[in-house]
């Protein structure tokens, strides 16, 4: 598959247009390539320098979207969300089926990994690995979901491994909470995040930013232009949360950190912050799904089947 030449875009950006009508919620990068996982079950490796891409796999006969993709020690993992979840190591072709589990996100740290899915029988579906995804075990600590509480798989970024034994994730819906475990999920602490109580609202993405600072973004995806309660910041490891002084301009589905900068995106645009998430500046009003960084570029996937590249140098102090 070929990509047309890069052209100028609004607000510092360059655009790489895809030629296939699929969008990517899973996106990551290494030093040479951008990797995307799509809603039609495909994974592409994109070379921005040559404007070419290669389809690595197509799982569309398995059902569900590929909502997350991770690079782990030169191996590629993708996560499929649907009536039954699936995690595939594309480098070894090893598949792990999670029957009847709707998977929301995964993350890795060294050989450890954490995987979260929606509740089954009112209990969150939580798994971990200590051998780079060869075996996934249920976490020992069980978390009962509140009524109407679940996860969101908007960009696969509601979970993080802070180190090889510390896992965190967020939930939303009628109850929004932050969960953290320091012992591979054997026990959990949880704290309320004051997002609106609605089936379509809550935190859709979270990022650690320093030792005890976390920033969660989301809102109500059915009210994408409502800027109230779209972002909350914790400076005490998730115990309490405050709204920014200047909020992102609407519902947001992904947030990432790069050096001293934060970027978030959603249905009605993209914003960045240079002060740890307390003040946000809008970049544009495009509909973006997910974000990553490739070399000196911010990479954003869109709902209109394209990949946008932004010069990170434009956002520095």
Protein backbone atom coordinates (compact mmCIF):
# COMPACT_ATOMS: atom_id res chain seq x y z
CA UNK A 1 0.00 0.00 0.00
CA UNK A 2 1.37 3.42 -0.95
CA UNK A 3 0.81 6.74 0.76
CA UNK A 4 0.64 10.00 -1.24
CA UNK A 5 3.30 12.62 -0.67
CA UNK A 6 3.13 14.65 2.51
CA UNK A 7 1.37 17.98 2.16
CA UNK A 8 0.86 20.98 4.38
CA UNK A 9 -1.95 20.87 6.93
CA UNK A 10 -3.45 23.29 9.37
CA UNK A 11 -1.80 24.06 12.71
CA UNK A 12 1.77 22.86 12.09
CA UNK A 13 0.74 19.52 10.64
CA UNK A 14 1.60 17.25 7.76
CA UNK A 15 -0.81 14.57 6.58
CA UNK A 16 -0.24 11.02 5.39
CA UNK A 17 -3.45 9.83 3.75
CA UNK A 18 -4.32 6.17 3.85
CA UNK A 19 -5.86 4.61 0.76
CA UNK A 20 -8.15 2.24 2.65
CA UNK A 21 -11.27 3.24 4.53
CA UNK A 22 -10.36 2.13 8.02
CA UNK A 23 -9.42 4.08 11.11
CA UNK A 24 -6.90 3.32 13.85
CA UNK A 25 -7.49 3.51 17.59
CA UNK A 26 -4.28 1.61 18.29
CA UNK A 27 -1.11 3.47 17.37
CA UNK A 28 2.55 3.26 18.41
CA UNK A 29 6.01 3.81 16.92
CA UNK A 30 9.68 2.86 17.11
CA UNK A 31 12.72 4.58 15.59
CA UNK A 32 11.83 3.54 12.02
CA UNK A 33 8.12 2.91 11.68
CA UNK A 34 4.64 3.87 12.83
CA UNK A 35 2.35 0.95 13.64
CA UNK A 36 -1.45 1.19 13.59
CA UNK A 37 -4.19 -1.31 14.41
CA UNK A 38 -7.54 -0.67 12.78
CA UNK A 39 -11.27 -1.17 13.11
CA UNK A 40 -11.29 -3.73 10.29
CA UNK A 41 -8.82 -6.02 12.07
CA UNK A 42 -5.63 -5.00 10.26
CA UNK A 43 -2.19 -3.96 11.47
CA UNK A 44 -0.05 -1.72 9.25
CA UNK A 45 3.61 -0.78 9.49
CA UNK A 46 4.11 2.69 8.01
CA UNK A 47 7.41 4.18 6.86
CA UNK A 48 6.91 7.98 6.86
CA UNK A 49 10.20 8.51 5.02
CA UNK A 50 9.30 6.38 1.98
CA UNK A 51 5.54 7.03 2.19
CA UNK A 52 4.88 3.27 2.09
CA UNK A 53 3.07 0.84 4.37
CA UNK A 54 2.89 -2.91 4.78
CA UNK A 55 -0.09 -4.85 6.11
CA UNK A 56 1.29 -7.20 8.78
CA UNK A 57 -1.92 -9.07 9.56
CA UNK A 58 -5.66 -9.00 8.98
CA UNK A 59 -7.86 -10.51 11.69
CA UNK A 60 -11.20 -9.30 10.36
CA UNK A 61 -12.59 -12.84 10.37
CA UNK A 62 -12.15 -12.92 14.16
CA UNK A 63 -14.65 -10.11 14.79
CA UNK A 64 -14.17 -6.89 16.73
CA UNK A 65 -11.81 -3.94 16.38
CA UNK A 66 -8.10 -3.83 17.15
CA UNK A 67 -8.22 -1.16 19.88
CA UNK A 68 -4.62 -1.31 21.12
CA UNK A 69 -1.13 -2.08 19.83
CA UNK A 70 2.11 -2.24 21.82
CA UNK A 71 5.79 -2.75 20.98
CA UNK A 72 7.49 -4.91 23.59
CA UNK A 73 11.17 -5.84 23.26
CA UNK A 74 10.99 -5.91 19.45
CA UNK A 75 7.72 -7.83 19.50
CA UNK A 76 4.32 -6.49 18.38
CA UNK A 77 1.19 -7.16 20.41
CA UNK A 78 -2.31 -6.18 19.26
CA UNK A 79 -5.54 -6.35 21.25
CA UNK A 80 -8.93 -7.07 19.74
CA UNK A 81 -12.09 -5.86 21.47
CA UNK A 82 -15.45 -7.49 20.84
CA UNK A 83 -17.80 -10.09 22.29
CA UNK A 84 -14.66 -12.09 23.07
CA UNK A 85 -11.24 -10.52 23.46
CA UNK A 86 -8.06 -11.54 21.70
CA UNK A 87 -4.39 -10.66 22.21
CA UNK A 88 -2.00 -11.62 19.41
CA UNK A 89 1.79 -11.51 19.41
CA UNK A 90 2.43 -10.81 15.73
CA UNK A 91 6.11 -11.64 16.07
CA UNK A 92 5.44 -15.23 17.22
CA UNK A 93 1.84 -15.61 15.97
CA UNK A 94 0.85 -16.61 19.50
CA UNK A 95 -2.85 -15.95 20.21
CA UNK A 96 -4.55 -15.65 23.59
CA UNK A 97 -8.34 -15.82 23.60
CA UNK A 98 -10.34 -14.19 26.39
CA UNK A 99 -13.78 -15.69 25.94
CA UNK A 100 -16.73 -13.37 26.59
CA UNK A 101 -14.39 -10.57 27.76
CA UNK A 102 -14.55 -7.14 26.13
CA UNK A 103 -10.94 -5.93 26.43
CA UNK A 104 -10.27 -2.23 27.08
CA UNK A 105 -6.49 -1.81 27.20
CA UNK A 106 -3.07 -3.34 27.79
CA UNK A 107 0.40 -2.12 28.72
CA UNK A 108 3.86 -3.57 29.34
CA UNK A 109 6.94 -2.82 31.42
CA UNK A 110 9.89 -5.08 30.71
CA UNK A 111 8.64 -8.66 30.83
CA UNK A 112 5.56 -7.68 32.83
CA UNK A 113 2.23 -6.71 31.34
CA UNK A 114 -1.28 -5.81 32.44
CA UNK A 115 -4.57 -6.31 30.60
CA UNK A 116 -8.00 -4.99 31.60
CA UNK A 117 -11.50 -5.81 30.38
CA UNK A 118 -15.09 -5.00 31.24
CA UNK A 119 -16.77 -6.66 34.23
CA UNK A 120 -18.13 -10.21 34.02
CA UNK A 121 -20.59 -11.16 36.77
CA UNK A 122 -19.96 -7.68 38.23
CA UNK A 123 -16.20 -8.30 38.53
CA UNK A 124 -13.58 -6.50 36.42
CA UNK A 125 -11.59 -8.75 34.06
CA UNK A 126 -7.92 -8.26 35.03
CA UNK A 127 -4.90 -10.23 33.80
CA UNK A 128 -1.12 -9.99 34.08
CA UNK A 129 1.97 -11.55 32.56
CA UNK A 130 5.53 -11.83 33.87
CA UNK A 131 7.01 -13.54 30.80
CA UNK A 132 6.40 -11.03 28.01
CA UNK A 133 2.90 -12.21 27.15
CA UNK A 134 3.62 -15.94 26.83
CA UNK A 135 1.14 -16.66 29.64
CA UNK A 136 -1.62 -14.39 30.95
CA UNK A 137 -2.93 -15.10 34.46
CA UNK A 138 -5.98 -13.60 36.19
CA UNK A 139 -5.03 -11.07 38.84
CA UNK A 140 -5.55 -12.41 42.32
CA UNK A 141 -7.27 -9.27 43.55
CA UNK A 142 -10.92 -9.11 42.53
CA UNK A 143 -12.67 -5.76 41.99
CA UNK A 144 -16.43 -5.55 42.13
CA UNK A 145 -17.85 -3.03 39.67
CA UNK A 146 -20.43 -0.52 40.78
CA UNK A 147 -23.77 -0.41 38.97
CA UNK A 148 -23.21 0.95 35.44
CA UNK A 149 -19.40 0.97 35.81
CA UNK A 150 -17.11 -0.40 33.08
CA UNK A 151 -14.07 0.51 31.01
CA UNK A 152 -13.64 2.46 27.77
CA UNK A 153 -11.52 1.17 24.88
CA UNK A 154 -11.38 4.43 22.94
CA UNK A 155 -7.60 4.33 22.47
CA UNK A 156 -6.37 1.45 24.61
CA UNK A 157 -4.87 3.95 27.05
CA UNK A 158 -6.94 3.50 30.20
CA UNK A 159 -4.26 1.16 31.66
CA UNK A 160 -0.57 1.57 32.50
CA UNK A 161 2.29 -0.40 34.02
CA UNK A 162 4.24 2.02 36.19
CA UNK A 163 6.91 -0.59 36.88
CA UNK A 164 7.15 -4.36 36.65
CA UNK A 165 4.65 -4.93 39.49
CA UNK A 166 2.60 -1.68 39.70
CA UNK A 167 -0.51 -1.51 37.53
CA UNK A 168 -3.18 1.17 37.21
CA UNK A 169 -6.42 1.65 35.29
CA UNK A 170 -9.52 3.81 35.23
CA UNK A 171 -13.22 3.03 34.91
CA UNK A 172 -16.20 5.11 33.81
CA UNK A 173 -19.92 5.17 33.24
CA UNK A 174 -22.21 5.68 36.21
CA UNK A 175 -19.11 5.57 38.43
CA UNK A 176 -15.59 6.76 37.52
CA UNK A 177 -12.67 5.41 39.54
CA UNK A 178 -8.88 5.18 39.55
CA UNK A 179 -7.37 1.83 40.58
CA UNK A 180 -3.76 1.05 41.48
CA UNK A 181 -1.93 -2.10 42.62
CA UNK A 182 1.72 -2.42 43.62
CA UNK A 183 1.80 -6.23 43.76
CA UNK A 184 0.81 -7.59 40.32
CA UNK A 185 -2.89 -7.03 41.02
CA UNK A 186 -3.04 -9.05 44.24
CA UNK A 187 -4.58 -6.10 46.10
CA UNK A 188 -5.99 -2.82 44.83
CA UNK A 189 -6.63 0.70 46.10
CA UNK A 190 -9.30 2.78 44.39
CA UNK A 191 -10.33 6.44 44.39
CA UNK A 192 -13.22 8.31 42.80
CA UNK A 193 -12.63 10.64 39.84
CA UNK A 194 -15.42 13.26 39.60
CA UNK A 195 -16.39 12.75 35.96
CA UNK A 196 -20.13 13.06 35.13
CA UNK A 197 -22.21 10.00 36.02
CA UNK A 198 -23.50 8.78 32.67
CA UNK A 199 -23.22 5.57 30.64
CA UNK A 200 -21.38 7.57 27.95
CA UNK A 201 -19.09 9.58 30.26
CA UNK A 202 -15.95 9.12 32.28
CA UNK A 203 -12.18 8.85 31.76
CA UNK A 204 -11.31 7.51 28.30
CA UNK A 205 -7.53 7.82 28.74
CA UNK A 206 -4.98 8.44 31.48
CA UNK A 207 -1.25 9.15 31.54
CA UNK A 208 1.35 9.24 34.33
CA UNK A 209 3.40 12.44 34.38
CA UNK A 210 6.07 12.20 37.01
CA UNK A 211 6.08 10.17 40.22
CA UNK A 212 2.63 10.99 41.61
CA UNK A 213 1.01 13.16 38.93
CA UNK A 214 -1.66 11.56 36.73
CA UNK A 215 -3.89 13.24 34.14
CA UNK A 216 -7.17 11.67 33.04
CA UNK A 217 -9.18 12.90 30.05
CA UNK A 218 -12.60 12.02 28.70
CA UNK A 219 -15.98 13.57 29.24
CA UNK A 220 -19.16 12.48 27.49
CA UNK A 221 -18.64 11.18 23.96
CA UNK A 222 -22.29 11.90 23.18
CA UNK A 223 -21.65 15.57 24.04
CA UNK A 224 -18.32 16.10 22.25
CA UNK A 225 -18.39 19.91 22.39
CA UNK A 226 -19.05 20.14 26.13
CA UNK A 227 -15.78 21.23 27.76
CA UNK A 228 -16.96 20.79 31.35
CA UNK A 229 -15.41 17.85 33.21
CA UNK A 230 -13.24 16.67 30.32
CA UNK A 231 -9.98 16.52 32.29
CA UNK A 232 -8.87 15.90 35.87
CA UNK A 233 -5.40 16.09 37.41
CA UNK A 234 -4.06 14.28 40.47
CA UNK A 235 -0.83 15.29 42.20
CA UNK A 236 -1.02 12.70 45.01
CA UNK A 237 -0.95 9.38 43.13
CA UNK A 238 -4.67 9.33 42.36
CA UNK A 239 -6.07 9.95 45.82
CA UNK A 240 -7.75 13.24 44.81
CA UNK A 241 -8.47 15.00 41.52
CA UNK A 242 -8.99 18.60 40.40
CA UNK A 243 -10.10 20.17 37.13
CA UNK A 244 -7.59 22.24 35.15
CA UNK A 245 -7.65 26.01 35.22
CA UNK A 246 -8.12 25.94 31.45
CA UNK A 247 -9.72 22.75 30.14
CA UNK A 248 -9.47 20.93 26.80
CA UNK A 249 -12.24 22.14 24.49
CA UNK A 250 -14.36 18.99 24.48
CA UNK A 251 -14.56 15.23 24.88
CA UNK A 252 -11.11 13.63 24.62
CA UNK A 253 -10.29 9.99 23.80
CA UNK A 254 -6.50 9.91 24.25
CA UNK A 255 -3.73 11.62 26.19
CA UNK A 256 0.05 11.12 25.93
CA UNK A 257 3.13 12.67 27.54
CA UNK A 258 6.36 13.58 25.79
CA UNK A 259 9.14 15.16 27.85
CA UNK A 260 7.56 18.24 29.49
CA UNK A 261 4.55 18.28 27.15
CA UNK A 262 1.09 16.72 27.22
CA UNK A 263 -1.15 16.19 24.20
CA UNK A 264 -4.79 15.14 24.12
CA UNK A 265 -7.27 14.63 21.29
CA UNK A 266 -10.92 13.87 20.64
CA UNK A 267 -13.93 14.41 18.44
CA UNK A 268 -13.63 18.19 18.07
CA UNK A 269 -9.88 18.71 18.15
CA UNK A 270 -6.50 18.48 19.81
CA UNK A 271 -4.95 20.39 22.73
CA UNK A 272 -1.55 20.58 24.40
CA UNK A 273 -0.30 21.57 27.86
CA UNK A 274 3.11 22.74 29.05
CA UNK A 275 2.29 22.92 32.77
CA UNK A 276 1.33 19.38 33.69
CA UNK A 277 -2.26 19.55 32.48
CA UNK A 278 -3.50 22.62 34.34
CA UNK A 279 -3.78 24.84 31.24
CA UNK A 280 -4.60 23.56 27.76
CA UNK A 281 -4.15 25.29 24.40
CA UNK A 282 -6.21 24.18 21.44
CA UNK A 283 -4.39 23.20 18.22
CA UNK A 284 -7.23 22.54 15.76
CA UNK A 285 -10.74 21.13 15.42
CA UNK A 286 -10.07 17.86 13.58
CA UNK A 287 -11.62 14.58 14.77
CA UNK A 288 -8.72 12.56 16.23
CA UNK A 289 -8.76 9.12 17.85
CA UNK A 290 -5.26 8.26 19.14
CA UNK A 291 -1.77 9.71 19.56
CA UNK A 292 1.86 8.60 19.71
CA UNK A 293 5.33 10.05 19.06
CA UNK A 294 7.67 9.20 16.18
CA UNK A 295 11.11 10.80 16.45
CA UNK A 296 10.42 14.56 16.53
CA UNK A 297 6.82 14.20 15.33
CA UNK A 298 3.51 13.94 17.14
CA UNK A 299 1.43 11.32 15.31
CA UNK A 300 -2.38 11.41 15.34
CA UNK A 301 -4.89 9.03 13.78
CA UNK A 302 -8.17 10.43 12.49
CA UNK A 303 -11.71 9.19 12.01
CA UNK A 304 -11.33 9.95 8.28
CA UNK A 305 -8.73 7.26 7.53
CA UNK A 306 -5.58 9.36 7.71
CA UNK A 307 -2.48 9.84 9.82
CA UNK A 308 -1.37 13.37 10.75
CA UNK A 309 2.17 14.35 11.69
CA UNK A 310 2.98 17.44 13.78
CA UNK A 311 6.39 18.99 14.42
CA UNK A 312 6.97 18.73 18.18
CA UNK A 313 9.44 21.59 18.09
CA UNK A 314 6.53 23.95 17.41
CA UNK A 315 5.09 23.26 20.86
CA UNK A 316 8.16 23.79 23.04
CA UNK A 317 8.69 26.85 25.26
